[in-house]
Amino acid sequence: MKLSRTLGRYQSGDRLPSVSGLAKEIQISVGTTQYGLNYLKEKNALSVTTKGHLGTFVDKLDYEKLLKLTGSDIRVCVMPLPYSLRFEGLATAFSKLGNKKGKFYLAFTNGSARRIKALIEGRYDCALLSLMAAEEAIKQGMPIKIAARYSPHSYLETHVLIYRTKTKKQIKFIGLDCESLDQFVLSKSFLAANPQVKVVNLPYTHIIKRLLAGEVDATLWNLDYIKEHSPMLQFSHLESSSIAPSMTEAVLVTRDEDEVTRHYLSSLLPKKKVLEIQEEVFLGNRLPEY
């Protein structure tokens, strides 16, 4: 199990440490480590090439088999509630590609900070975020790493300001979920330009209801939701300088030390296939299924 977790850090072409080096790293005897390497080769989880004094190099690693040998080959990904076709497309792609053997499951939670917290606590193995949220979390010192990047607009089209007042200048209260890193970053420039506006912290799923009920005047929201569910809502595009392309790009993140899962996801959920399925759902050529 220790050896499988350690080898999961490597990829094809990488030079492996010596057997004694691996033994020291995983704190197991050299003989047992050698036995473990032989076992992994017999199970076709590992193949190597020895190049004399240059060392031993990885030919191939089967990350699915390595995961199974670490004690669990089941992985669970947490992503936003699939309230838009883009999210439904990603959920469909992950389910289609990831669950061929019944080993990959999805869970849904709004609020990127909540998803990151659950990931770090070990409740999930990977989380879907915007690239911006992932980079912000890493900047803040969160122990996560990006496992897979997709493309701009794979997460959403853009963010806009929704408001119920006659003019934007009449906005007094804006509803925001402080657990959403995207809203948190977006709100900085808006609040700097509108210091008279007060923030009302609300759960993400309650904000639109509270807006329609007149309890808050505005919010920063995903344009996909408005187009698909509430086209009657009044909105205004934000200044392009406040919306980075990274806010629209979907990424999967894992715990910092979980290199096995990162390598596994890169092979299990390849960018090209994920985006193809997402586009089919988005264009109405495939029914969402997850």
C-alpha atoms as a PDB file:
ATOM      1  CA  MET A   1       0.000   0.000   0.000  1.00  0.00           C
ATOM      2  CA  LYS A   2       2.807   2.424   0.890  1.00  0.00           C
ATOM      3  CA  LEU A   3       4.725   1.557  -2.256  1.00  0.00           C
ATOM      4  CA  SER A   4       1.638   2.042  -4.455  1.00  0.00           C
ATOM      5  CA  ARG A   5       1.005   5.485  -2.961  1.00  0.00           C
ATOM      6  CA  THR A   6       4.652   6.450  -3.474  1.00  0.00           C
ATOM      7  CA  LEU A   7       4.864   5.203  -7.060  1.00  0.00           C
ATOM      8  CA  GLY A   8       1.684   7.132  -7.902  1.00  0.00           C
ATOM      9  CA  ARG A   9       3.835  10.269  -7.935  1.00  0.00           C
ATOM     10  CA  TYR A  10       5.678   9.085 -11.032  1.00  0.00           C
ATOM     11  CA  GLN A  11       4.835   9.055 -14.731  1.00  0.00           C
ATOM     12  CA  SER A  12       6.129   7.276 -17.817  1.00  0.00           C
ATOM     13  CA  GLY A  13       9.746   8.260 -18.452  1.00  0.00           C
ATOM     14  CA  ASP A  14      10.523   9.241 -14.860  1.00  0.00           C
ATOM     15  CA  ARG A  15      13.626   7.854 -13.167  1.00  0.00           C
ATOM     16  CA  LEU A  16      12.828   5.834 -10.052  1.00  0.00           C
ATOM     17  CA  PRO A  17      14.899   5.994  -6.868  1.00  0.00           C
ATOM     18  CA  SER A  18      16.994   2.950  -6.035  1.00  0.00           C
ATOM     19  CA  VAL A  19      15.332   0.138  -4.096  1.00  0.00           C
ATOM     20  CA  SER A  20      17.207   1.248  -0.978  1.00  0.00           C
ATOM     21  CA  GLY A  21      16.059   4.819  -1.609  1.00  0.00           C
ATOM     22  CA  LEU A  22      12.422   3.717  -1.892  1.00  0.00           C
ATOM     23  CA  ALA A  23      12.817   1.529   1.190  1.00  0.00           C
ATOM     24  CA  LYS A  24      14.129   4.460   3.204  1.00  0.00           C
ATOM     25  CA  GLU A  25      11.322   6.734   1.982  1.00  0.00           C
ATOM     26  CA  ILE A  26       8.504   4.335   2.911  1.00  0.00           C
ATOM     27  CA  GLN A  27      10.346   3.053   6.011  1.00  0.00           C
ATOM     28  CA  ILE A  28      10.259  -0.619   5.052  1.00  0.00           C
ATOM     29  CA  SER A  29      13.145  -3.044   4.663  1.00  0.00           C
ATOM     30  CA  VAL A  30      14.963  -3.289   1.337  1.00  0.00           C
ATOM     31  CA  GLY A  31      13.913  -6.926   0.921  1.00  0.00           C
ATOM     32  CA  THR A  32      10.222  -6.177   1.473  1.00  0.00           C
ATOM     33  CA  THR A  33      10.418  -3.188  -0.873  1.00  0.00           C
ATOM     34  CA  GLN A  34      11.967  -5.364  -3.590  1.00  0.00           C
ATOM     35  CA  TYR A  35       9.236  -7.940  -3.037  1.00  0.00           C
ATOM     36  CA  GLY A  36       6.629  -5.164  -3.379  1.00  0.00           C
ATOM     37  CA  LEU A  37       8.123  -3.971  -6.655  1.00  0.00           C
ATOM     38  CA  ASN A  38       8.122  -7.516  -8.030  1.00  0.00           C
ATOM     39  CA  TYR A  39       4.503  -7.935  -6.925  1.00  0.00           C
ATOM     40  CA  LEU A  40       3.443  -4.729  -8.704  1.00  0.00           C
ATOM     41  CA  LYS A  41       5.196  -5.898 -11.871  1.00  0.00           C
ATOM     42  CA  GLU A  42       3.440  -9.274 -11.707  1.00  0.00           C
ATOM     43  CA  LYS A  43       0.074  -7.488 -11.376  1.00  0.00           C
ATOM     44  CA  ASN A  44       0.951  -5.296 -14.397  1.00  0.00           C
ATOM     45  CA  ALA A  45       0.625  -2.183 -12.256  1.00  0.00           C
ATOM     46  CA  LEU A  46       4.231  -1.240 -13.029  1.00  0.00           C
ATOM     47  CA  SER A  47       6.679  -1.846 -15.857  1.00  0.00           C
ATOM     48  CA  VAL A  48      10.219  -0.460 -15.885  1.00  0.00           C
ATOM     49  CA  THR A  49      13.386  -0.366 -17.945  1.00  0.00           C
ATOM     50  CA  THR A  50      16.817  -0.612 -16.331  1.00  0.00           C
ATOM     51  CA  LYS A  51      19.542   1.405 -18.052  1.00  0.00           C
ATOM     52  CA  GLY A  52      22.637   0.278 -16.179  1.00  0.00           C
ATOM     53  CA  HIS A  53      24.388   3.040 -14.258  1.00  0.00           C
ATOM     54  CA  LEU A  54      21.748   5.537 -15.440  1.00  0.00           C
ATOM     55  CA  GLY A  55      19.159   3.884 -13.212  1.00  0.00           C
ATOM     56  CA  THR A  56      15.653   2.465 -13.547  1.00  0.00           C
ATOM     57  CA  PHE A  57      12.968   4.297 -15.516  1.00  0.00           C
ATOM     58  CA  VAL A  58       9.177   3.956 -15.573  1.00  0.00           C
ATOM     59  CA  ASP A  59       7.738   2.550 -18.777  1.00  0.00           C
ATOM     60  CA  LYS A  60       4.124   2.466 -17.621  1.00  0.00           C
ATOM     61  CA  LEU A  61       2.046   2.785 -14.466  1.00  0.00           C
ATOM     62  CA  ASP A  62      -1.554   1.582 -14.198  1.00  0.00           C
ATOM     63  CA  TYR A  63      -2.972   4.164 -11.784  1.00  0.00           C
ATOM     64  CA  GLU A  64      -6.282   2.338 -11.423  1.00  0.00           C
ATOM     65  CA  LYS A  65      -4.465  -0.756 -10.172  1.00  0.00           C
ATOM     66  CA  LEU A  66      -2.242   1.351  -7.931  1.00  0.00           C
ATOM     67  CA  LEU A  67      -5.317   2.968  -6.402  1.00  0.00           C
ATOM     68  CA  LYS A  68      -6.827  -0.435  -5.701  1.00  0.00           C
ATOM     69  CA  LEU A  69      -3.593  -1.564  -4.049  1.00  0.00           C
ATOM     70  CA  THR A  70      -3.524   1.537  -1.816  1.00  0.00           C
ATOM     71  CA  GLY A  71      -6.696   0.246  -0.196  1.00  0.00           C
ATOM     72  CA  SER A  72      -9.404   2.025  -2.190  1.00  0.00           C
ATOM     73  CA  ASP A  73     -10.023   2.324  -5.925  1.00  0.00           C
ATOM     74  CA  ILE A  74     -13.265   4.272  -5.490  1.00  0.00           C
ATOM     75  CA  ARG A  75     -13.060   8.024  -6.056  1.00  0.00           C
ATOM     76  CA  VAL A  76     -15.698  10.680  -5.330  1.00  0.00           C
ATOM     77  CA  CYS A  77     -15.725  14.111  -6.973  1.00  0.00           C
ATOM     78  CA  VAL A  78     -17.644  17.064  -5.507  1.00  0.00           C
ATOM     79  CA  MET A  79     -18.905  19.728  -7.906  1.00  0.00           C
ATOM     80  CA  PRO A  80     -21.476  22.568  -7.944  1.00  0.00           C
ATOM     81  CA  LEU A  81     -25.162  21.746  -8.150  1.00  0.00           C
ATOM     82  CA  PRO A  82     -25.776  21.156 -11.883  1.00  0.00           C
ATOM     83  CA  TYR A  83     -28.087  24.158 -12.390  1.00  0.00           C
ATOM     84  CA  SER A  84     -26.665  25.052 -15.822  1.00  0.00           C
ATOM     85  CA  LEU A  85     -26.153  23.085 -19.020  1.00  0.00           C
ATOM     86  CA  ARG A  86     -22.398  23.533 -18.707  1.00  0.00           C
ATOM     87  CA  PHE A  87     -22.432  21.908 -15.277  1.00  0.00           C
ATOM     88  CA  GLU A  88     -24.802  19.205 -16.506  1.00  0.00           C
ATOM     89  CA  GLY A  89     -22.419  18.593 -19.399  1.00  0.00           C
ATOM     90  CA  LEU A  90     -19.469  18.186 -17.046  1.00  0.00           C
ATOM     91  CA  ALA A  91     -21.462  15.920 -14.723  1.00  0.00           C
ATOM     92  CA  THR A  92     -22.509  13.797 -17.709  1.00  0.00           C
ATOM     93  CA  ALA A  93     -18.910  13.575 -18.973  1.00  0.00           C
ATOM     94  CA  PHE A  94     -17.549  12.621 -15.562  1.00  0.00           C
ATOM     95  CA  SER A  95     -20.251  10.001 -15.101  1.00  0.00           C
ATOM     96  CA  LYS A  96     -19.845   8.585 -18.611  1.00  0.00           C
ATOM     97  CA  LEU A  97     -16.046   8.451 -18.619  1.00  0.00           C
ATOM     98  CA  GLY A  98     -15.367   7.934 -14.948  1.00  0.00           C
ATOM     99  CA  ASN A  99     -17.944   5.390 -13.944  1.00  0.00           C
ATOM    100  CA  LYS A 100     -17.437   2.672 -16.543  1.00  0.00           C
ATOM    101  CA  LYS A 101     -16.410   0.284 -13.786  1.00  0.00           C
ATOM    102  CA  GLY A 102     -18.586   1.701 -11.023  1.00  0.00           C
ATOM    103  CA  LYS A 103     -15.605   3.289  -9.286  1.00  0.00           C
ATOM    104  CA  PHE A 104     -16.252   7.030  -9.735  1.00  0.00           C
ATOM    105  CA  TYR A 105     -19.072   8.968  -8.097  1.00  0.00           C
ATOM    106  CA  LEU A 106     -20.311  12.542  -7.981  1.00  0.00           C
ATOM    107  CA  ALA A 107     -21.516  14.659  -5.077  1.00  0.00           C
ATOM    108  CA  PHE A 108     -22.917  18.197  -5.326  1.00  0.00           C
ATOM    109  CA  THR A 109     -22.235  21.195  -3.059  1.00  0.00           C
ATOM    110  CA  ASN A 110     -22.383  24.897  -3.877  1.00  0.00           C
ATOM    111  CA  GLY A 111     -19.663  27.236  -2.666  1.00  0.00           C
ATOM    112  CA  SER A 112     -16.078  26.641  -3.767  1.00  0.00           C
ATOM    113  CA  ALA A 113     -14.739  27.167  -0.233  1.00  0.00           C
ATOM    114  CA  ARG A 114     -17.102  24.477   1.054  1.00  0.00           C
ATOM    115  CA  ARG A 115     -15.939  22.066  -1.644  1.00  0.00           C
ATOM    116  CA  ILE A 116     -12.284  22.758  -0.872  1.00  0.00           C
ATOM    117  CA  LYS A 117     -12.853  22.274   2.875  1.00  0.00           C
ATOM    118  CA  ALA A 118     -14.619  18.942   2.288  1.00  0.00           C
ATOM    119  CA  LEU A 119     -11.798  17.836  -0.031  1.00  0.00           C
ATOM    120  CA  ILE A 120      -9.060  18.703   2.473  1.00  0.00           C
ATOM    121  CA  GLU A 121     -10.985  16.925   5.252  1.00  0.00           C
ATOM    122  CA  GLY A 122     -10.942  13.762   3.136  1.00  0.00           C
ATOM    123  CA  ARG A 123     -14.678  13.516   2.478  1.00  0.00           C
ATOM    124  CA  TYR A 124     -14.019  13.674  -1.276  1.00  0.00           C
ATOM    125  CA  ASP A 125     -11.064  12.845  -3.520  1.00  0.00           C
ATOM    126  CA  CYS A 126     -11.351  15.706  -6.003  1.00  0.00           C
ATOM    127  CA  ALA A 127     -13.352  18.891  -6.462  1.00  0.00           C
ATOM    128  CA  LEU A 128     -14.530  20.916  -9.459  1.00  0.00           C
ATOM    129  CA  LEU A 129     -13.714  24.630  -9.223  1.00  0.00           C
ATOM    130  CA  SER A 130     -13.096  27.552 -11.496  1.00  0.00           C
ATOM    131  CA  LEU A 131      -9.417  28.006 -12.277  1.00  0.00           C
ATOM    132  CA  MET A 132      -9.574  31.359 -10.501  1.00  0.00           C
ATOM    133  CA  ALA A 133     -10.978  29.805  -7.301  1.00  0.00           C
ATOM    134  CA  ALA A 134      -8.315  27.100  -7.383  1.00  0.00           C
ATOM    135  CA  GLU A 135      -5.500  29.614  -7.854  1.00  0.00           C
ATOM    136  CA  GLU A 136      -6.904  31.845  -5.109  1.00  0.00           C
ATOM    137  CA  ALA A 137      -7.128  28.903  -2.695  1.00  0.00           C
ATOM    138  CA  ILE A 138      -3.555  27.825  -3.481  1.00  0.00           C
ATOM    139  CA  LYS A 139      -2.417  31.433  -3.005  1.00  0.00           C
ATOM    140  CA  GLN A 140      -4.055  31.383   0.436  1.00  0.00           C
ATOM    141  CA  GLY A 141      -2.015  28.306   1.347  1.00  0.00           C
ATOM    142  CA  MET A 142      -4.708  25.647   0.927  1.00  0.00           C
ATOM    143  CA  PRO A 143      -3.050  22.195   0.485  1.00  0.00           C
ATOM    144  CA  ILE A 144      -4.523  21.434  -2.940  1.00  0.00           C
ATOM    145  CA  LYS A 145      -3.167  21.021  -6.472  1.00  0.00           C
ATOM    146  CA  ILE A 146      -4.746  21.225  -9.915  1.00  0.00           C
ATOM    147  CA  ALA A 147      -5.214  17.764 -11.428  1.00  0.00           C
ATOM    148  CA  ALA A 148      -6.929  18.644 -14.718  1.00  0.00           C
ATOM    149  CA  ARG A 149      -7.673  21.839 -16.641  1.00  0.00           C
ATOM    150  CA  TYR A 150     -10.318  22.083 -19.317  1.00  0.00           C
ATOM    151  CA  SER A 151     -10.790  25.338 -21.266  1.00  0.00           C
ATOM    152  CA  PRO A 152     -12.113  28.904 -20.961  1.00  0.00           C
ATOM    153  CA  HIS A 153     -15.932  28.877 -20.735  1.00  0.00           C
ATOM    154  CA  SER A 154     -16.040  25.230 -19.674  1.00  0.00           C
ATOM    155  CA  TYR A 155     -17.163  26.426 -16.209  1.00  0.00           C
ATOM    156  CA  LEU A 156     -19.459  29.297 -17.191  1.00  0.00           C
ATOM    157  CA  GLU A 157     -19.955  31.986 -19.847  1.00  0.00           C
ATOM    158  CA  THR A 158     -19.403  34.976 -17.571  1.00  0.00           C
ATOM    159  CA  HIS A 159     -20.607  36.685 -14.389  1.00  0.00           C
ATOM    160  CA  VAL A 160     -23.031  39.596 -14.402  1.00  0.00           C
ATOM    161  CA  LEU A 161     -24.615  41.955 -11.900  1.00  0.00           C
ATOM    162  CA  ILE A 162     -28.299  41.153 -11.300  1.00  0.00           C
ATOM    163  CA  TYR A 163     -30.308  43.973  -9.723  1.00  0.00           C
ATOM    164  CA  ARG A 164     -33.984  44.729  -9.029  1.00  0.00           C
ATOM    165  CA  THR A 165     -33.713  48.493  -8.555  1.00  0.00           C
ATOM    166  CA  LYS A 166     -34.433  50.904 -11.393  1.00  0.00           C
ATOM    167  CA  THR A 167     -30.795  51.891 -11.637  1.00  0.00           C
ATOM    168  CA  LYS A 168     -27.530  50.425 -10.360  1.00  0.00           C
ATOM    169  CA  LYS A 169     -26.937  53.573  -8.293  1.00  0.00           C
ATOM    170  CA  GLN A 170     -29.983  52.704  -6.162  1.00  0.00           C
ATOM    171  CA  ILE A 171     -28.486  49.403  -4.980  1.00  0.00           C
ATOM    172  CA  LYS A 172     -28.114  49.393  -1.177  1.00  0.00           C
ATOM    173  CA  PHE A 173     -27.777  45.697  -0.304  1.00  0.00           C
ATOM    174  CA  ILE A 174     -26.018  42.998  -2.303  1.00  0.00           C
ATOM    175  CA  GLY A 175     -26.494  39.307  -1.522  1.00  0.00           C
ATOM    176  CA  LEU A 176     -23.294  37.244  -1.612  1.00  0.00           C
ATOM    177  CA  ASP A 177     -22.200  33.829  -0.387  1.00  0.00           C
ATOM    178  CA  CYS A 178     -18.910  34.356   1.452  1.00  0.00           C
ATOM    179  CA  GLU A 179     -18.091  30.668   0.863  1.00  0.00           C
ATOM    180  CA  SER A 180     -17.913  31.328  -2.892  1.00  0.00           C
ATOM    181  CA  LEU A 181     -14.383  32.369  -3.830  1.00  0.00           C
ATOM    182  CA  ASP A 182     -15.622  33.515  -7.246  1.00  0.00           C
ATOM    183  CA  GLN A 183     -18.179  35.900  -5.725  1.00  0.00           C
ATOM    184  CA  PHE A 184     -15.657  37.032  -3.112  1.00  0.00           C
ATOM    185  CA  VAL A 185     -13.071  38.026  -5.715  1.00  0.00           C
ATOM    186  CA  LEU A 186     -15.654  39.597  -8.046  1.00  0.00           C
ATOM    187  CA  SER A 187     -17.188  41.625  -5.240  1.00  0.00           C
ATOM    188  CA  LYS A 188     -13.889  43.375  -4.410  1.00  0.00           C
ATOM    189  CA  SER A 189     -13.916  45.671  -7.442  1.00  0.00           C
ATOM    190  CA  PHE A 190     -17.690  46.179  -7.298  1.00  0.00           C
ATOM    191  CA  LEU A 191     -17.661  47.175  -3.612  1.00  0.00           C
ATOM    192  CA  ALA A 192     -14.613  49.391  -4.112  1.00  0.00           C
ATOM    193  CA  ALA A 193     -16.539  51.299  -6.792  1.00  0.00           C
ATOM    194  CA  ASN A 194     -19.744  51.300  -4.713  1.00  0.00           C
ATOM    195  CA  PRO A 195     -18.722  51.802  -1.055  1.00  0.00           C
ATOM    196  CA  GLN A 196     -22.311  52.629  -0.045  1.00  0.00           C
ATOM    197  CA  VAL A 197     -23.476  49.066  -0.797  1.00  0.00           C
ATOM    198  CA  LYS A 198     -23.690  46.679   2.172  1.00  0.00           C
ATOM    199  CA  VAL A 199     -23.081  42.933   1.862  1.00  0.00           C
ATOM    200  CA  VAL A 200     -25.699  40.462   3.094  1.00  0.00           C
ATOM    201  CA  ASN A 201     -24.163  37.005   3.509  1.00  0.00           C
ATOM    202  CA  LEU A 202     -26.581  34.365   2.191  1.00  0.00           C
ATOM    203  CA  PRO A 203     -26.344  30.694   1.194  1.00  0.00           C
ATOM    204  CA  TYR A 204     -25.785  30.508  -2.568  1.00  0.00           C
ATOM    205  CA  THR A 205     -29.039  28.635  -3.208  1.00  0.00           C
ATOM    206  CA  HIS A 206     -31.091  31.322  -1.367  1.00  0.00           C
ATOM    207  CA  ILE A 207     -29.741  34.431  -3.057  1.00  0.00           C
ATOM    208  CA  ILE A 208     -32.065  34.593  -6.085  1.00  0.00           C
ATOM    209  CA  LYS A 209     -35.128  33.879  -3.897  1.00  0.00           C
ATOM    210  CA  ARG A 210     -34.140  36.684  -1.521  1.00  0.00           C
ATOM    211  CA  LEU A 211     -33.543  38.992  -4.486  1.00  0.00           C
ATOM    212  CA  LEU A 212     -36.979  38.263  -5.934  1.00  0.00           C
ATOM    213  CA  ALA A 213     -38.512  38.757  -2.478  1.00  0.00           C
ATOM    214  CA  GLY A 214     -36.928  42.196  -2.245  1.00  0.00           C
ATOM    215  CA  GLU A 215     -34.698  41.365   0.714  1.00  0.00           C
ATOM    216  CA  VAL A 216     -31.545  42.299  -1.227  1.00  0.00           C
ATOM    217  CA  ASP A 217     -31.171  44.572  -4.224  1.00  0.00           C
ATOM    218  CA  ALA A 218     -28.502  42.805  -6.247  1.00  0.00           C
ATOM    219  CA  THR A 219     -26.052  39.944  -6.577  1.00  0.00           C
ATOM    220  CA  LEU A 220     -23.189  38.781  -8.786  1.00  0.00           C
ATOM    221  CA  TRP A 221     -24.313  35.724 -10.715  1.00  0.00           C
ATOM    222  CA  ASN A 222     -23.631  33.180 -13.428  1.00  0.00           C
ATOM    223  CA  LEU A 223     -25.115  34.392 -16.737  1.00  0.00           C
ATOM    224  CA  ASP A 224     -25.846  30.780 -17.752  1.00  0.00           C
ATOM    225  CA  TYR A 225     -28.411  30.524 -14.941  1.00  0.00           C
ATOM    226  CA  ILE A 226     -30.219  33.674 -16.066  1.00  0.00           C
ATOM    227  CA  LYS A 227     -30.396  32.601 -19.709  1.00  0.00           C
ATOM    228  CA  GLU A 228     -31.645  29.113 -18.850  1.00  0.00           C
ATOM    229  CA  HIS A 229     -33.899  29.723 -15.856  1.00  0.00           C
ATOM    230  CA  SER A 230     -34.725  33.402 -15.274  1.00  0.00           C
ATOM    231  CA  PRO A 231     -34.474  35.433 -18.484  1.00  0.00           C
ATOM    232  CA  MET A 232     -36.757  38.085 -16.951  1.00  0.00           C
ATOM    233  CA  LEU A 233     -34.102  39.148 -14.451  1.00  0.00           C
ATOM    234  CA  GLN A 234     -32.491  42.520 -15.084  1.00  0.00           C
ATOM    235  CA  PHE A 235     -28.714  42.349 -15.336  1.00  0.00           C
ATOM    236  CA  SER A 236     -25.717  44.359 -16.364  1.00  0.00           C
ATOM    237  CA  HIS A 237     -22.373  43.137 -17.652  1.00  0.00           C
ATOM    238  CA  LEU A 238     -19.417  43.814 -15.399  1.00  0.00           C
ATOM    239  CA  GLU A 239     -16.331  45.648 -16.556  1.00  0.00           C
ATOM    240  CA  SER A 240     -14.175  43.261 -18.551  1.00  0.00           C
ATOM    241  CA  SER A 241     -11.195  44.127 -16.364  1.00  0.00           C
ATOM    242  CA  SER A 242     -12.930  42.574 -13.332  1.00  0.00           C
ATOM    243  CA  ILE A 243     -13.559  39.212 -15.026  1.00  0.00           C
ATOM    244  CA  ALA A 244     -10.459  37.132 -15.682  1.00  0.00           C
ATOM    245  CA  PRO A 245     -10.600  34.228 -18.190  1.00  0.00           C
ATOM    246  CA  SER A 246      -9.656  31.962 -15.270  1.00  0.00           C
ATOM    247  CA  MET A 247     -13.113  32.590 -13.775  1.00  0.00           C
ATOM    248  CA  THR A 248     -14.720  30.783 -16.710  1.00  0.00           C
ATOM    249  CA  GLU A 249     -12.411  27.743 -16.861  1.00  0.00           C
ATOM    250  CA  ALA A 250     -13.246  24.468 -15.080  1.00  0.00           C
ATOM    251  CA  VAL A 251     -10.526  22.576 -13.214  1.00  0.00           C
ATOM    252  CA  LEU A 252     -10.358  19.518 -10.983  1.00  0.00           C
ATOM    253  CA  VAL A 253      -8.250  19.743  -7.830  1.00  0.00           C
ATOM    254  CA  THR A 254      -7.025  17.095  -5.398  1.00  0.00           C
ATOM    255  CA  ARG A 255      -5.300  17.144  -2.033  1.00  0.00           C
ATOM    256  CA  ASP A 256      -1.703  18.290  -2.301  1.00  0.00           C
ATOM    257  CA  GLU A 257      -0.166  14.915  -1.469  1.00  0.00           C
ATOM    258  CA  ASP A 258      -2.558  12.783  -3.552  1.00  0.00           C
ATOM    259  CA  GLU A 259      -0.506  12.390  -6.722  1.00  0.00           C
ATOM    260  CA  VAL A 260      -1.992   8.961  -7.473  1.00  0.00           C
ATOM    261  CA  THR A 261      -5.458  10.472  -7.910  1.00  0.00           C
ATOM    262  CA  ARG A 262      -4.078  13.379  -9.977  1.00  0.00           C
ATOM    263  CA  HIS A 263      -2.439  11.032 -12.459  1.00  0.00           C
ATOM    264  CA  TYR A 264      -5.486   8.759 -12.428  1.00  0.00           C
ATOM    265  CA  LEU A 265      -7.843  11.641 -13.252  1.00  0.00           C
ATOM    266  CA  SER A 266      -5.690  12.871 -16.123  1.00  0.00           C
ATOM    267  CA  SER A 267      -6.075   9.485 -17.821  1.00  0.00           C
ATOM    268  CA  LEU A 268      -9.647   8.796 -16.700  1.00  0.00           C
ATOM    269  CA  LEU A 269     -11.122  12.177 -17.712  1.00  0.00           C
ATOM    270  CA  PRO A 270      -9.146  13.426 -20.739  1.00  0.00           C
ATOM    271  CA  LYS A 271      -9.786  17.036 -21.693  1.00  0.00           C
ATOM    272  CA  LYS A 272     -10.845  16.375 -25.297  1.00  0.00           C
ATOM    273  CA  LYS A 273     -13.478  13.767 -24.410  1.00  0.00           C
ATOM    274  CA  VAL A 274     -14.843  15.738 -21.462  1.00  0.00           C
ATOM    275  CA  LEU A 275     -15.312  18.854 -23.595  1.00  0.00           C
ATOM    276  CA  GLU A 276     -16.896  16.856 -26.450  1.00  0.00           C
ATOM    277  CA  ILE A 277     -19.560  15.416 -24.127  1.00  0.00           C
ATOM    278  CA  GLN A 278     -20.120  18.786 -22.449  1.00  0.00           C
ATOM    279  CA  GLU A 279     -20.714  20.432 -25.833  1.00  0.00           C
ATOM    280  CA  GLU A 280     -23.171  17.712 -26.868  1.00  0.00           C
ATOM    281  CA  VAL A 281     -25.219  18.353 -23.719  1.00  0.00           C
ATOM    282  CA  PHE A 282     -24.925  22.135 -24.092  1.00  0.00           C
ATOM    283  CA  LEU A 283     -26.167  22.014 -27.713  1.00  0.00           C
ATOM    284  CA  GLY A 284     -29.006  19.623 -26.861  1.00  0.00           C
ATOM    285  CA  ASN A 285     -27.558  16.700 -28.804  1.00  0.00           C
ATOM    286  CA  ARG A 286     -27.214  14.494 -25.710  1.00  0.00           C
ATOM    287  CA  LEU A 287     -29.512  14.112 -22.732  1.00  0.00           C
ATOM    288  CA  PRO A 288     -27.814  14.923 -19.406  1.00  0.00           C
ATOM    289  CA  GLU A 289     -27.219  11.776 -17.392  1.00  0.00           C
ATOM    290  CA  TYR A 290     -25.372  11.629 -14.096  1.00  0.00           C
END
